[in-house]
Amino acid sequence: MRSIKLPEPPSSNTGMPEIFDHGISCVVRRAVIIGNGAAGAEHQCIGLVRALGLSNSYSLHRVNRPKGGLLNAYLRWLPVPIHKQLDFLFRHIQSDWRRLPLSSILSRLLGDSGSSSLETRPAQPRVDYGLRALTLDDKPVPEADASRIAALALEDIDRDGPLLVVASGRDTVSVAAAVKKLAPEATFVVQIQHPRWGLDQFDMIVTPLHDYHALSPAARQEVPKLLLPWITPQHPPDKHVVLTVGALHHADASTLRAAATSWQSELASLAKPLLIVNIGGPTRHCRYGEDLALELLSALKLVLTTCGSCRMTFSRRTPTQIVNLITRELGDHPKVFIWDGRGPNPHLGHLAWGDAFVVTADSVSMLSEACSTGKPVYVIGGERCRWKFTDFQTTLRQRGLIRALTGAEDMRDSWSYPPLNDTFEAANRIRRALAERGWSLH
């Protein structure tokens, strides 16, 4: 008779399943982007997620800061959760003030219980400020709620693995930090742009080198000594801070190849060289007005003689008087096309098909994208920049990525340089950090 093989006795190990022997499931297959509604900030997150191979596995959540009205303009320096609570309180007070007669409000303040019998005024139409609907391409976008994102990280974790959380911009800092606090073992949280406080609340921070300008000897001379203790950052970057030259972006090779195809019918037939001019707007640390516009116009009129064609775009920050001035001077020029903001944005098509670029010095994002092409980039207004933006301009010049626009350039003479690759370099640092934790990307 054959012996019967009995089952092995149950193991005395009653701990976690094997998949959790080294923590949670070790493959990152999904990501959440915490955005602030600003295209520049959200494109940095999207670019990083794409560089990590999660192009089709991320969802966008947005913080919803109250907007509109003088009070919200002052409260925008507060963390978003505190701002929202104060906004709710003040709107509630305002609603009562408009709906009730003055005698009723005074009676309430004085504790008169008979005030409730007074006739109330009809409710007034709500002023267009406060919280707004969150949409992208006319589709709803979920609000960035830390508890919901943390719950998402913990859902089906054995199947989907931990959650990569990527946030950018000051408004997202408190939400991203809260997600890490609620689900520390189920998330890897990356904060893009320096959060100014609580760096240890994030797994990794990706920020430009010039964000540490405050620690330089030059900066110490620019700021009164009484203010130095309040200027951030206060300490040099540690190993979980990734320093970049410029801003991350989503204009990678695959994106530009797709844009080249999409814009081929409109841009491929233009006379060469094609000069792209991107005009931003004055900022707190890079101030200018019509004087810079006149300087730009003077230089462009000279270099247009060596261009086959020229296309120009303005940003949301470009003052109306500058738009009108440049349009009036160059709008009828046979070589110049000025995008009026209607129809599809040609920005990516311009990056793909342009032979050279002129960019105003105020925009780190536009300069970073242009310098990632390896094509000539000319800057105007760099000498007007102050504080950390001076460092940024200096770094680009020292690396041979940009040259000042003088008007003496011959746009037929091309030059090149090793393109900026900040997004992929940051992605590689994240891969190494995940590997140190025993995690990998799908």
Protein backbone atom coordinates (compact mmCIF):
# COMPACT_ATOMS: atom_id res chain seq x y z
CA MET A 1 0.00 0.00 0.00
CA ARG A 2 1.34 3.40 -0.94
CA SER A 3 1.95 5.80 1.86
CA ILE A 4 -0.24 8.81 2.01
CA LYS A 5 1.58 12.14 2.00
CA LEU A 6 0.12 14.28 4.69
CA PRO A 7 0.01 18.08 4.31
CA GLU A 8 2.70 20.08 6.00
CA PRO A 9 1.72 21.48 9.37
CA PRO A 10 0.79 25.16 9.32
CA SER A 11 3.68 27.53 9.73
CA SER A 12 4.14 29.15 13.08
CA ASN A 13 4.80 32.40 11.26
CA THR A 14 1.62 34.46 11.60
CA GLY A 15 3.14 37.70 10.34
CA MET A 16 2.42 39.60 7.14
CA PRO A 17 2.11 37.81 3.77
CA GLU A 18 5.32 37.28 1.86
CA ILE A 19 4.65 40.21 -0.43
CA PHE A 20 4.99 42.47 2.60
CA ASP A 21 8.16 40.87 4.00
CA HIS A 22 10.11 43.96 3.00
CA GLY A 23 7.25 46.40 3.38
CA ILE A 24 4.45 46.94 0.90
CA SER A 25 4.40 45.68 -2.69
CA CYS A 26 7.58 46.95 -4.22
CA VAL A 27 6.56 48.01 -7.74
CA VAL A 28 5.29 51.55 -8.34
CA ARG A 29 2.63 51.40 -11.04
CA ARG A 30 0.62 54.58 -10.47
CA ALA A 31 1.01 58.25 -9.67
CA VAL A 32 -1.01 61.20 -8.46
CA ILE A 33 -0.16 64.74 -9.49
CA ILE A 34 -1.13 67.50 -7.07
CA GLY A 35 -1.46 70.68 -9.12
CA ASN A 36 -2.31 74.28 -8.41
CA GLY A 37 -4.04 75.15 -11.68
CA ALA A 38 -0.96 76.90 -13.11
CA ALA A 39 0.09 75.32 -16.40
CA GLY A 40 3.80 75.87 -15.75
CA ALA A 41 3.72 74.09 -12.38
CA GLU A 42 1.54 71.21 -13.55
CA HIS A 43 3.62 70.66 -16.69
CA GLN A 44 6.66 70.14 -14.45
CA CYS A 45 4.83 67.32 -12.66
CA ILE A 46 3.58 65.79 -15.91
CA GLY A 47 7.05 65.91 -17.42
CA LEU A 48 8.57 64.13 -14.41
CA VAL A 49 5.85 61.45 -14.34
CA ARG A 50 6.34 60.81 -18.06
CA ALA A 51 10.11 60.55 -17.61
CA LEU A 52 9.44 57.88 -14.98
CA GLY A 53 7.40 55.82 -17.45
CA LEU A 54 3.99 56.47 -15.90
CA SER A 55 2.47 58.48 -18.76
CA ASN A 56 -0.73 56.44 -18.79
CA SER A 57 -0.96 55.72 -15.07
CA TYR A 58 -1.44 59.06 -13.34
CA SER A 59 -4.36 61.20 -12.22
CA LEU A 60 -4.45 64.94 -11.60
CA HIS A 61 -5.82 66.47 -8.40
CA ARG A 62 -5.86 70.22 -7.79
CA VAL A 63 -5.76 72.38 -4.72
CA ASN A 64 -8.65 74.83 -4.62
CA ARG A 65 -7.56 78.12 -3.13
CA PRO A 66 -10.30 80.77 -2.82
CA LYS A 67 -9.82 83.56 -5.35
CA GLY A 68 -11.21 86.99 -6.05
CA GLY A 69 -11.72 89.96 -3.77
CA LEU A 70 -9.21 92.04 -1.83
CA LEU A 71 -9.34 89.81 1.24
CA ASN A 72 -8.33 86.68 -0.69
CA ALA A 73 -5.44 88.57 -2.24
CA TYR A 74 -4.05 89.08 1.27
CA LEU A 75 -4.87 85.57 2.49
CA ARG A 76 -3.13 83.83 -0.43
CA TRP A 77 0.08 83.70 1.61
CA LEU A 78 -1.54 81.30 4.09
CA PRO A 79 -1.60 77.51 3.66
CA VAL A 80 -4.61 76.51 1.56
CA PRO A 81 -6.54 74.67 4.35
CA ILE A 82 -6.35 77.71 6.67
CA HIS A 83 -7.26 80.07 3.83
CA LYS A 84 -10.33 77.99 2.97
CA GLN A 85 -11.53 77.98 6.57
CA LEU A 86 -11.18 81.75 6.85
CA ASP A 87 -12.87 82.25 3.48
CA PHE A 88 -15.82 80.13 4.62
CA LEU A 89 -16.08 82.11 7.86
CA PHE A 90 -15.94 85.53 6.21
CA ARG A 91 -18.42 84.57 3.48
CA HIS A 92 -20.82 83.27 6.13
CA ILE A 93 -20.54 86.55 8.04
CA GLN A 94 -21.00 88.54 4.84
CA SER A 95 -24.05 86.50 3.88
CA ASP A 96 -25.71 87.23 7.22
CA TRP A 97 -24.77 90.91 6.96
CA ARG A 98 -26.43 91.25 3.56
CA ARG A 99 -29.50 89.19 4.41
CA LEU A 100 -30.38 90.69 7.80
CA PRO A 101 -31.28 94.30 8.56
CA LEU A 102 -28.78 96.27 10.61
CA SER A 103 -31.09 96.29 13.67
CA SER A 104 -31.19 92.49 13.64
CA ILE A 105 -27.41 92.17 13.46
CA LEU A 106 -26.96 94.67 16.30
CA SER A 107 -29.53 92.79 18.37
CA ARG A 108 -27.65 89.55 17.81
CA LEU A 109 -24.39 91.15 18.87
CA LEU A 110 -26.12 92.52 21.98
CA GLY A 111 -27.71 89.14 22.76
CA ASP A 112 -31.34 90.20 22.14
CA SER A 113 -33.31 86.96 21.64
CA GLY A 114 -36.18 88.82 19.99
CA SER A 115 -34.17 89.56 16.90
CA SER A 116 -35.24 86.31 15.25
CA SER A 117 -38.77 87.66 14.71
CA LEU A 118 -37.55 90.51 12.54
CA GLU A 119 -38.24 90.33 8.83
CA THR A 120 -35.18 89.43 6.80
CA ARG A 121 -34.06 90.86 3.51
CA PRO A 122 -33.93 88.65 0.44
CA ALA A 123 -30.56 86.97 -0.14
CA GLN A 124 -28.20 88.94 -2.38
CA PRO A 125 -26.57 87.40 -5.43
CA ARG A 126 -23.23 85.84 -4.57
CA VAL A 127 -20.19 87.81 -5.64
CA ASP A 128 -17.93 85.89 -8.02
CA TYR A 129 -15.20 84.97 -5.60
CA GLY A 130 -14.35 82.14 -3.27
CA LEU A 131 -13.92 78.52 -4.37
CA ARG A 132 -14.15 77.76 -8.07
CA ALA A 133 -15.08 74.65 -10.03
CA LEU A 134 -11.99 72.62 -10.94
CA THR A 135 -11.88 71.62 -14.61
CA LEU A 136 -9.38 70.63 -17.30
CA ASP A 137 -10.52 70.73 -20.92
CA ASP A 138 -14.08 71.20 -19.61
CA LYS A 139 -13.83 68.00 -17.57
CA PRO A 140 -14.02 67.99 -13.78
CA VAL A 141 -10.78 67.60 -11.84
CA PRO A 142 -10.93 66.17 -8.29
CA GLU A 143 -9.91 68.49 -5.50
CA ALA A 144 -6.60 67.63 -3.86
CA ASP A 145 -7.70 66.23 -0.51
CA ALA A 146 -4.89 64.65 1.52
CA SER A 147 -7.08 62.03 3.22
CA ARG A 148 -8.56 60.87 -0.09
CA ILE A 149 -5.16 60.62 -1.78
CA ALA A 150 -3.79 58.71 1.23
CA ALA A 151 -6.77 56.34 1.06
CA LEU A 152 -6.11 55.86 -2.67
CA ALA A 153 -2.50 54.96 -1.85
CA LEU A 154 -3.66 52.25 0.57
CA GLU A 155 -6.30 50.77 -1.77
CA ASP A 156 -5.32 47.49 -3.46
CA ILE A 157 -1.74 48.11 -2.44
CA ASP A 158 -0.78 44.47 -2.83
CA ARG A 159 -1.90 44.61 -6.47
CA ASP A 160 -1.02 48.18 -7.53
CA GLY A 161 1.94 48.80 -5.24
CA PRO A 162 2.83 52.10 -3.56
CA LEU A 163 1.72 55.45 -4.92
CA LEU A 164 4.05 58.06 -6.39
CA VAL A 165 2.84 61.54 -5.45
CA VAL A 166 4.28 64.51 -7.37
CA ALA A 167 3.35 68.08 -6.40
CA SER A 168 4.53 71.49 -7.58
CA GLY A 169 3.99 75.00 -6.30
CA ARG A 170 3.59 76.65 -2.92
CA ASP A 171 -0.14 75.91 -2.67
CA THR A 172 0.47 72.17 -2.90
CA VAL A 173 3.04 71.92 -0.08
CA SER A 174 0.63 71.41 2.83
CA VAL A 175 -1.42 68.80 0.94
CA ALA A 176 1.60 66.79 -0.20
CA ALA A 177 3.09 66.86 3.31
CA ALA A 178 -0.22 65.68 4.78
CA VAL A 179 -0.39 62.76 2.33
CA LYS A 180 3.06 61.63 3.43
CA LYS A 181 2.05 61.88 7.09
CA LEU A 182 -1.13 59.84 6.55
CA ALA A 183 0.40 57.09 4.39
CA PRO A 184 4.18 57.10 4.98
CA GLU A 185 4.77 53.46 4.00
CA ALA A 186 2.52 53.53 0.95
CA THR A 187 3.74 56.68 -0.80
CA PHE A 188 6.83 58.27 -2.28
CA VAL A 189 6.21 62.03 -2.25
CA VAL A 190 8.15 64.38 -4.53
CA GLN A 191 7.78 68.14 -4.09
CA ILE A 192 8.89 70.22 -7.07
CA GLN A 193 10.09 73.75 -6.22
CA HIS A 194 11.52 74.51 -2.81
CA PRO A 195 8.82 74.21 -0.11
CA ARG A 196 10.65 76.70 2.19
CA TRP A 197 9.83 74.72 5.33
CA GLY A 198 9.65 71.14 6.55
CA LEU A 199 11.91 69.53 3.97
CA ASP A 200 11.91 66.31 5.97
CA GLN A 201 8.19 65.90 5.28
CA PHE A 202 8.95 64.78 1.71
CA ASP A 203 10.83 61.84 0.26
CA MET A 204 12.46 64.02 -2.37
CA ILE A 205 12.55 67.68 -3.36
CA VAL A 206 13.39 68.81 -6.89
CA THR A 207 14.30 72.47 -7.13
CA PRO A 208 16.55 74.73 -9.24
CA LEU A 209 20.00 75.55 -7.96
CA HIS A 210 19.16 79.26 -7.95
CA ASP A 211 16.57 78.64 -5.20
CA TYR A 212 19.60 78.47 -2.87
CA HIS A 213 20.79 81.92 -3.90
CA ALA A 214 19.92 83.16 -0.40
CA LEU A 215 22.93 81.25 0.97
CA SER A 216 25.42 82.90 -1.38
CA PRO A 217 27.74 85.71 -0.25
CA ALA A 218 26.22 88.01 -2.87
CA ALA A 219 22.72 87.48 -1.45
CA ARG A 220 23.97 88.25 2.07
CA GLN A 221 25.04 91.64 0.77
CA GLU A 222 21.70 92.31 -0.92
CA VAL A 223 19.51 91.74 2.14
CA PRO A 224 19.53 93.82 5.36
CA LYS A 225 20.98 91.81 8.24
CA LEU A 226 17.76 92.10 10.24
CA LEU A 227 15.91 90.20 7.49
CA LEU A 228 18.45 87.41 6.97
CA PRO A 229 16.91 85.09 9.60
CA TRP A 230 13.62 85.24 7.67
CA ILE A 231 15.02 84.49 4.22
CA THR A 232 14.70 80.86 3.13
CA PRO A 233 16.31 78.44 2.66
CA GLN A 234 18.53 78.64 5.72
CA HIS A 235 20.54 75.43 5.20
CA PRO A 236 22.39 73.85 2.26
CA PRO A 237 20.62 71.04 0.39
CA ASP A 238 20.96 67.52 1.76
CA LYS A 239 20.96 64.24 -0.15
CA HIS A 240 17.19 64.14 -0.73
CA VAL A 241 17.22 67.50 -2.53
CA VAL A 242 17.76 67.26 -6.30
CA LEU A 243 19.19 70.44 -7.78
CA THR A 244 18.40 71.31 -11.39
CA VAL A 245 19.60 74.13 -13.64
CA GLY A 246 16.16 75.24 -14.72
CA ALA A 247 12.54 74.18 -14.46
CA LEU A 248 11.26 70.70 -15.26
CA HIS A 249 8.85 70.52 -18.21
CA HIS A 250 6.90 68.12 -20.40
CA ALA A 251 8.50 69.07 -23.73
CA ASP A 252 10.46 65.82 -24.04
CA ALA A 253 11.55 64.15 -27.29
CA SER A 254 8.38 62.11 -27.73
CA THR A 255 6.18 65.15 -27.07
CA LEU A 256 8.10 67.24 -29.61
CA ARG A 257 7.95 64.45 -32.21
CA ALA A 258 4.18 64.35 -31.80
CA ALA A 259 4.02 68.16 -31.99
CA ALA A 260 6.16 68.15 -35.13
CA THR A 261 3.64 65.84 -36.79
CA SER A 262 0.62 67.83 -35.58
CA TRP A 263 2.04 71.17 -36.78
CA GLN A 264 3.74 69.94 -39.93
CA SER A 265 1.15 71.29 -42.33
CA GLU A 266 1.36 74.78 -40.84
CA LEU A 267 5.04 75.13 -39.96
CA ALA A 268 7.08 72.85 -42.22
CA SER A 269 6.63 75.00 -45.31
CA LEU A 270 7.72 78.27 -43.65
CA ALA A 271 10.87 79.92 -44.97
CA LYS A 272 14.02 79.06 -43.00
CA PRO A 273 15.48 79.90 -40.62
CA LEU A 274 12.33 80.08 -38.52
CA LEU A 275 12.78 82.42 -35.55
CA ILE A 276 10.47 81.90 -32.56
CA VAL A 277 9.93 84.83 -30.17
CA ASN A 278 8.41 84.09 -26.76
CA ILE A 279 7.45 87.16 -24.75
CA GLY A 280 6.59 86.88 -21.05
CA GLY A 281 5.87 89.68 -18.62
CA PRO A 282 7.46 91.64 -15.78
CA THR A 283 7.83 89.94 -12.40
CA ARG A 284 8.85 91.06 -8.93
CA HIS A 285 12.49 90.19 -9.61
CA CYS A 286 12.56 91.02 -13.33
CA ARG A 287 10.88 94.37 -13.90
CA TYR A 288 10.39 96.02 -17.26
CA GLY A 289 7.81 97.84 -19.34
CA GLU A 290 7.52 99.39 -22.77
CA ASP A 291 11.21 100.29 -22.65
CA LEU A 292 12.19 96.64 -23.03
CA ALA A 293 9.54 96.16 -25.73
CA LEU A 294 11.11 99.00 -27.71
CA GLU A 295 14.55 97.44 -27.24
CA LEU A 296 13.19 94.11 -28.47
CA LEU A 297 11.53 95.70 -31.47
CA SER A 298 14.74 97.48 -32.45
CA ALA A 299 16.74 94.23 -32.31
CA LEU A 300 14.09 92.18 -34.13
CA LYS A 301 13.83 94.63 -37.02
CA LEU A 302 17.57 94.15 -37.57
CA VAL A 303 17.67 90.35 -37.34
CA LEU A 304 14.56 89.84 -39.46
CA THR A 305 16.70 90.55 -42.51
CA THR A 306 18.50 87.25 -41.90
CA CYS A 307 15.35 85.26 -41.03
CA GLY A 308 13.17 83.36 -43.42
CA SER A 309 10.14 83.75 -41.12
CA CYS A 310 9.26 84.66 -37.55
CA ARG A 311 6.45 83.60 -35.23
CA MET A 312 5.67 85.37 -31.95
CA THR A 313 3.65 84.45 -28.88
CA PHE A 314 2.74 86.29 -25.67
CA SER A 315 2.14 84.81 -22.24
CA ARG A 316 -0.75 85.46 -19.85
CA ARG A 317 1.54 87.85 -17.97
CA THR A 318 2.34 90.06 -20.96
CA PRO A 319 0.92 93.56 -20.28
CA THR A 320 -1.69 94.72 -22.79
CA GLN A 321 0.30 97.82 -23.72
CA ILE A 322 3.28 95.68 -24.71
CA VAL A 323 1.07 93.35 -26.78
CA ASN A 324 -0.47 96.33 -28.54
CA LEU A 325 2.89 98.02 -29.14
CA ILE A 326 4.53 94.96 -30.70
CA THR A 327 1.44 94.08 -32.73
CA ARG A 328 1.24 97.61 -34.08
CA GLU A 329 4.91 97.63 -35.09
CA LEU A 330 5.26 94.11 -36.51
CA GLY A 331 1.73 92.89 -37.17
CA ASP A 332 1.91 93.78 -40.89
CA HIS A 333 5.48 92.61 -41.45
CA PRO A 334 5.51 90.00 -44.26
CA LYS A 335 7.82 87.66 -42.35
CA VAL A 336 6.06 87.88 -38.98
CA PHE A 337 3.08 85.95 -37.63
CA ILE A 338 1.76 86.91 -34.18
CA TRP A 339 -0.44 84.35 -32.44
CA ASP A 340 -3.50 86.11 -31.03
CA GLY A 341 -4.35 83.47 -28.43
CA ARG A 342 -7.17 81.91 -30.44
CA GLY A 343 -7.16 78.30 -31.54
CA PRO A 344 -4.62 75.62 -30.52
CA ASN A 345 -1.54 76.87 -28.69
CA PRO A 346 1.43 76.51 -31.10
CA HIS A 347 4.08 76.50 -28.35
CA LEU A 348 5.11 72.84 -28.68
CA GLY A 349 5.02 73.08 -32.46
CA HIS A 350 7.31 76.11 -32.25
CA LEU A 351 9.77 74.19 -30.06
CA ALA A 352 9.78 71.35 -32.57
CA TRP A 353 10.07 73.37 -35.80
CA GLY A 354 11.87 76.53 -34.67
CA ASP A 355 15.49 77.06 -35.73
CA ALA A 356 16.30 79.71 -33.12
CA PHE A 357 14.55 81.34 -30.17
CA VAL A 358 14.31 84.76 -28.60
CA VAL A 359 12.96 84.66 -25.03
CA THR A 360 12.43 87.41 -22.46
CA ALA A 361 14.49 86.82 -19.33
CA ASP A 362 11.57 86.74 -16.88
CA SER A 363 10.39 83.18 -17.59
CA VAL A 364 12.43 80.30 -16.16
CA SER A 365 10.02 77.81 -17.76
CA MET A 366 10.20 79.22 -21.29
CA LEU A 367 13.99 79.44 -21.13
CA SER A 368 14.29 75.90 -19.76
CA GLU A 369 12.14 74.50 -22.56
CA ALA A 370 14.01 76.39 -25.27
CA CYS A 371 17.40 75.33 -23.84
CA SER A 372 16.32 71.67 -23.95
CA THR A 373 16.26 71.78 -27.77
CA GLY A 374 20.00 72.35 -28.29
CA LYS A 375 19.14 75.18 -30.71
CA PRO A 376 20.29 78.83 -30.42
CA VAL A 377 18.53 80.75 -27.64
CA TYR A 378 18.83 84.54 -27.38
CA VAL A 379 17.70 86.36 -24.26
CA ILE A 380 16.60 89.95 -23.85
CA GLY A 381 16.22 91.72 -20.50
CA GLY A 382 18.63 89.56 -18.51
CA GLU A 383 20.37 92.58 -17.04
CA ARG A 384 17.08 93.67 -15.47
CA CYS A 385 16.73 90.52 -13.39
CA ARG A 386 17.55 90.54 -9.68
CA TRP A 387 18.01 88.15 -6.77
CA LYS A 388 18.04 84.45 -7.71
CA PHE A 389 17.11 85.11 -11.34
CA THR A 390 20.53 86.70 -11.81
CA ASP A 391 22.07 83.36 -10.79
CA PHE A 392 19.88 81.52 -13.29
CA GLN A 393 20.91 83.78 -16.17
CA THR A 394 24.57 83.49 -15.18
CA THR A 395 24.43 79.68 -15.10
CA LEU A 396 22.83 79.50 -18.55
CA ARG A 397 25.47 81.84 -20.02
CA GLN A 398 28.37 79.95 -18.41
CA ARG A 399 27.09 76.69 -19.89
CA GLY A 400 26.86 78.27 -23.33
CA LEU A 401 23.08 77.77 -23.53
CA ILE A 402 22.07 81.39 -24.12
CA ARG A 403 23.40 84.58 -25.64
CA ALA A 404 22.18 88.14 -25.23
CA LEU A 405 20.14 89.50 -28.15
CA THR A 406 21.88 92.56 -29.59
CA GLY A 407 20.41 92.91 -33.08
CA ALA A 408 23.74 92.14 -34.74
CA GLU A 409 23.03 88.42 -35.01
CA ASP A 410 22.83 86.58 -38.31
CA MET A 411 20.12 83.96 -37.73
CA ARG A 412 21.53 81.86 -40.56
CA ASP A 413 24.57 81.15 -38.38
CA SER A 414 23.48 78.31 -36.14
CA TRP A 415 25.21 77.14 -32.95
CA SER A 416 24.46 74.39 -30.45
CA TYR A 417 25.24 73.04 -26.98
CA PRO A 418 24.45 69.96 -24.87
CA PRO A 419 20.70 70.38 -24.26
CA LEU A 420 19.35 70.82 -20.76
CA ASN A 421 18.05 67.49 -19.51
CA ASP A 422 16.86 68.36 -16.01
CA THR A 423 13.66 66.31 -16.14
CA PHE A 424 15.36 63.01 -16.99
CA GLU A 425 18.21 63.64 -14.55
CA ALA A 426 15.66 64.21 -11.77
CA ALA A 427 13.82 61.05 -12.83
CA ASN A 428 17.04 59.04 -12.55
CA ARG A 429 17.62 60.36 -9.03
CA ILE A 430 14.11 59.25 -8.08
CA ARG A 431 14.73 55.80 -9.53
CA ARG A 432 17.85 55.46 -7.38
CA ALA A 433 15.97 56.64 -4.28
CA LEU A 434 13.22 54.11 -4.93
CA ALA A 435 15.81 51.35 -5.38
CA GLU A 436 17.38 52.24 -2.02
CA ARG A 437 13.96 51.64 -0.48
CA GLY A 438 13.63 48.33 -2.30
CA TRP A 439 11.07 49.66 -4.77
CA SER A 440 11.10 49.82 -8.55
CA LEU A 441 9.04 51.35 -11.32
CA HIS A 442 6.66 49.34 -13.46
